């Protein structure tokens, strides 16, 4: 299951790809650049979300070990 950052990151990546494609078709360099920024921000959010998930799982596992 995705957390908020992963979900938002995936949405931003998709939005960025669409902006880049539309900008390319329309010959709009500004829109293409915005799309690249959105995609990059999305990748960063997705990475942060994945890291949060891994840290949460590690803390949960640690809690199980401590209870033993």
N, C-alpha and C. Protein backbone atom coordinates (compact mmCIF):
# COMPACT_ATOMS: atom_id res chain seq x y z
N UNK A 1 0.84 -1.18 0.00
CA UNK A 1 0.00 0.00 0.00
C UNK A 1 0.89 1.25 0.00
N UNK A 2 0.51 2.22 -0.77
CA UNK A 2 1.28 3.46 -0.86
C UNK A 2 0.94 4.39 0.29
N UNK A 3 1.96 5.12 0.76
CA UNK A 3 1.68 6.17 1.72
C UNK A 3 1.45 7.48 0.95
N UNK A 4 1.15 8.54 1.67
CA UNK A 4 0.79 9.81 1.02
C UNK A 4 1.90 10.31 0.10
N UNK A 5 3.13 10.26 0.53
CA UNK A 5 4.23 10.76 -0.30
C UNK A 5 4.41 9.92 -1.56
N UNK A 6 4.27 8.62 -1.44
CA UNK A 6 4.39 7.77 -2.62
C UNK A 6 3.26 8.06 -3.61
N UNK A 7 2.05 8.16 -3.09
CA UNK A 7 0.89 8.44 -3.95
C UNK A 7 1.05 9.80 -4.64
N UNK A 8 1.36 10.84 -3.86
CA UNK A 8 1.52 12.17 -4.42
C UNK A 8 2.68 12.21 -5.42
N UNK A 9 3.74 11.49 -5.10
CA UNK A 9 4.88 11.43 -6.00
C UNK A 9 4.54 10.80 -7.34
N UNK A 10 3.78 9.72 -7.30
CA UNK A 10 3.37 9.06 -8.54
C UNK A 10 2.46 9.96 -9.36
N UNK A 11 1.57 10.70 -8.68
CA UNK A 11 0.69 11.63 -9.38
C UNK A 11 1.51 12.74 -10.03
N UNK A 12 2.47 13.29 -9.29
CA UNK A 12 3.31 14.36 -9.83
C UNK A 12 4.14 13.87 -11.02
N UNK A 13 4.63 12.65 -10.94
CA UNK A 13 5.40 12.10 -12.07
C UNK A 13 4.53 11.99 -13.31
N UNK A 14 3.32 11.48 -13.14
CA UNK A 14 2.41 11.34 -14.28
C UNK A 14 2.05 12.71 -14.84
N UNK A 15 1.76 13.65 -13.95
CA UNK A 15 1.42 15.01 -14.38
C UNK A 15 2.59 15.62 -15.15
N UNK A 16 3.79 15.40 -14.67
CA UNK A 16 4.96 15.92 -15.34
C UNK A 16 5.15 15.34 -16.73
N UNK A 17 4.93 14.04 -16.86
CA UNK A 17 5.07 13.40 -18.16
C UNK A 17 4.05 13.93 -19.15
N UNK A 18 2.83 14.15 -18.68
CA UNK A 18 1.78 14.69 -19.54
C UNK A 18 2.15 16.11 -19.98
N UNK A 19 2.59 16.94 -19.03
CA UNK A 19 2.99 18.31 -19.38
C UNK A 19 4.12 18.31 -20.41
N UNK A 20 5.08 17.41 -20.23
CA UNK A 20 6.19 17.35 -21.17
C UNK A 20 5.71 16.96 -22.56
N UNK A 21 4.80 16.00 -22.63
CA UNK A 21 4.28 15.56 -23.93
C UNK A 21 3.48 16.67 -24.60
N UNK A 22 2.63 17.33 -23.84
CA UNK A 22 1.83 18.42 -24.41
C UNK A 22 2.73 19.57 -24.83
N UNK A 23 3.71 19.89 -23.99
CA UNK A 23 4.65 20.94 -24.33
C UNK A 23 5.44 20.63 -25.58
N UNK A 24 5.79 19.37 -25.73
CA UNK A 24 6.53 18.94 -26.92
C UNK A 24 5.67 19.07 -28.17
N UNK A 25 4.42 18.62 -28.07
CA UNK A 25 3.51 18.70 -29.21
C UNK A 25 3.17 20.14 -29.58
N UNK A 26 3.02 20.99 -28.57
CA UNK A 26 2.65 22.38 -28.80
C UNK A 26 3.86 23.27 -29.06
N UNK A 27 5.05 22.73 -28.90
CA UNK A 27 6.25 23.53 -29.07
C UNK A 27 6.43 24.55 -27.95
N UNK A 28 5.92 24.22 -26.78
CA UNK A 28 5.96 25.13 -25.63
C UNK A 28 7.07 24.67 -24.67
N UNK A 29 8.21 25.33 -24.75
CA UNK A 29 9.36 24.95 -23.93
C UNK A 29 9.11 25.17 -22.44
N UNK A 30 8.34 26.19 -22.11
CA UNK A 30 8.04 26.46 -20.70
C UNK A 30 7.22 25.32 -20.10
N UNK A 31 6.24 24.83 -20.82
CA UNK A 31 5.42 23.72 -20.34
C UNK A 31 6.26 22.45 -20.21
N UNK A 32 7.16 22.22 -21.16
CA UNK A 32 8.05 21.06 -21.07
C UNK A 32 8.92 21.15 -19.83
N UNK A 33 9.44 22.35 -19.56
CA UNK A 33 10.30 22.54 -18.38
C UNK A 33 9.50 22.31 -17.09
N UNK A 34 8.28 22.82 -17.05
CA UNK A 34 7.42 22.60 -15.87
C UNK A 34 7.18 21.11 -15.68
N UNK A 35 6.99 20.41 -16.76
CA UNK A 35 6.78 18.96 -16.69
C UNK A 35 7.98 18.23 -16.13
N UNK A 36 9.17 18.66 -16.54
CA UNK A 36 10.39 18.03 -16.02
C UNK A 36 10.53 18.29 -14.52
N UNK A 37 10.19 19.50 -14.11
CA UNK A 37 10.25 19.82 -12.67
C UNK A 37 9.25 18.97 -11.91
N UNK A 38 8.01 18.90 -12.41
CA UNK A 38 6.99 18.09 -11.74
C UNK A 38 7.41 16.63 -11.63
N UNK A 39 7.98 16.10 -12.70
CA UNK A 39 8.41 14.70 -12.69
C UNK A 39 9.53 14.48 -11.67
N UNK A 40 10.48 15.41 -11.62
CA UNK A 40 11.59 15.30 -10.68
C UNK A 40 11.11 15.39 -9.24
N UNK A 41 10.20 16.33 -8.98
CA UNK A 41 9.62 16.46 -7.63
C UNK A 41 8.88 15.18 -7.28
N UNK A 42 8.16 14.63 -8.23
CA UNK A 42 7.43 13.39 -7.99
C UNK A 42 8.35 12.23 -7.65
N UNK A 43 9.47 12.15 -8.34
CA UNK A 43 10.43 11.08 -8.04
C UNK A 43 10.98 11.24 -6.63
N UNK A 44 11.24 12.49 -6.25
CA UNK A 44 11.75 12.73 -4.89
C UNK A 44 10.71 12.36 -3.84
N UNK A 45 9.46 12.74 -4.06
CA UNK A 45 8.40 12.40 -3.10
C UNK A 45 8.24 10.89 -2.98
N UNK A 46 8.29 10.21 -4.12
CA UNK A 46 8.15 8.75 -4.10
C UNK A 46 9.30 8.12 -3.32
N UNK A 47 10.50 8.63 -3.50
CA UNK A 47 11.66 8.11 -2.78
C UNK A 47 11.52 8.35 -1.28
N UNK A 48 11.06 9.53 -0.90
CA UNK A 48 10.85 9.84 0.52
C UNK A 48 9.80 8.90 1.10
N UNK A 49 8.73 8.70 0.36
CA UNK A 49 7.68 7.79 0.83
C UNK A 49 8.18 6.37 1.02
N UNK A 50 9.00 5.91 0.09
CA UNK A 50 9.58 4.57 0.21
C UNK A 50 10.49 4.46 1.42
N UNK A 51 11.25 5.50 1.67
CA UNK A 51 12.13 5.51 2.84
C UNK A 51 11.33 5.51 4.13
N UNK A 52 10.26 6.30 4.15
CA UNK A 52 9.39 6.32 5.34
C UNK A 52 8.83 4.93 5.62
N UNK A 53 8.44 4.26 4.56
CA UNK A 53 7.88 2.91 4.72
C UNK A 53 8.92 1.95 5.29
N UNK A 54 10.15 2.04 4.79
CA UNK A 54 11.22 1.15 5.26
C UNK A 54 11.57 1.44 6.72
N UNK A 55 11.63 2.71 7.08
CA UNK A 55 11.93 3.08 8.47
C UNK A 55 10.81 2.59 9.39
N UNK A 56 9.57 2.78 8.96
CA UNK A 56 8.44 2.33 9.76
C UNK A 56 8.46 0.82 9.98
N UNK A 57 8.79 0.08 8.92
CA UNK A 57 8.88 -1.38 9.04
C UNK A 57 10.01 -1.79 9.98
N UNK A 58 11.14 -1.09 9.90
CA UNK A 58 12.27 -1.40 10.78
C UNK A 58 11.92 -1.14 12.24
N UNK A 59 11.23 -0.03 12.49
CA UNK A 59 10.82 0.29 13.87
C UNK A 59 9.82 -0.74 14.37
N UNK A 60 8.91 -1.15 13.51
CA UNK A 60 7.93 -2.16 13.89
C UNK A 60 8.61 -3.48 14.24
N UNK A 61 9.58 -3.89 13.41
CA UNK A 61 10.32 -5.12 13.68
C UNK A 61 11.12 -5.03 14.97
N UNK A 62 11.71 -3.88 15.21
CA UNK A 62 12.46 -3.67 16.44
C UNK A 62 11.55 -3.81 17.66
N UNK A 63 10.36 -3.25 17.53
CA UNK A 63 9.38 -3.36 18.63
C UNK A 63 9.03 -4.82 18.91
N UNK A 64 8.91 -5.63 17.88
CA UNK A 64 8.59 -7.04 18.06
C UNK A 64 9.74 -7.77 18.75
N UNK A 65 10.97 -7.42 18.39
CA UNK A 65 12.14 -8.05 18.99
C UNK A 65 12.26 -7.67 20.47
N UNK A 66 11.98 -6.41 20.78
CA UNK A 66 12.09 -5.93 22.17
C UNK A 66 11.04 -6.60 23.05
N UNK A 67 9.87 -6.88 22.51
CA UNK A 67 8.79 -7.51 23.30
C UNK A 67 9.14 -8.94 23.68
N UNK A 68 10.01 -9.60 22.98
CA UNK A 68 10.33 -11.01 23.25
C UNK A 68 11.08 -11.15 24.51
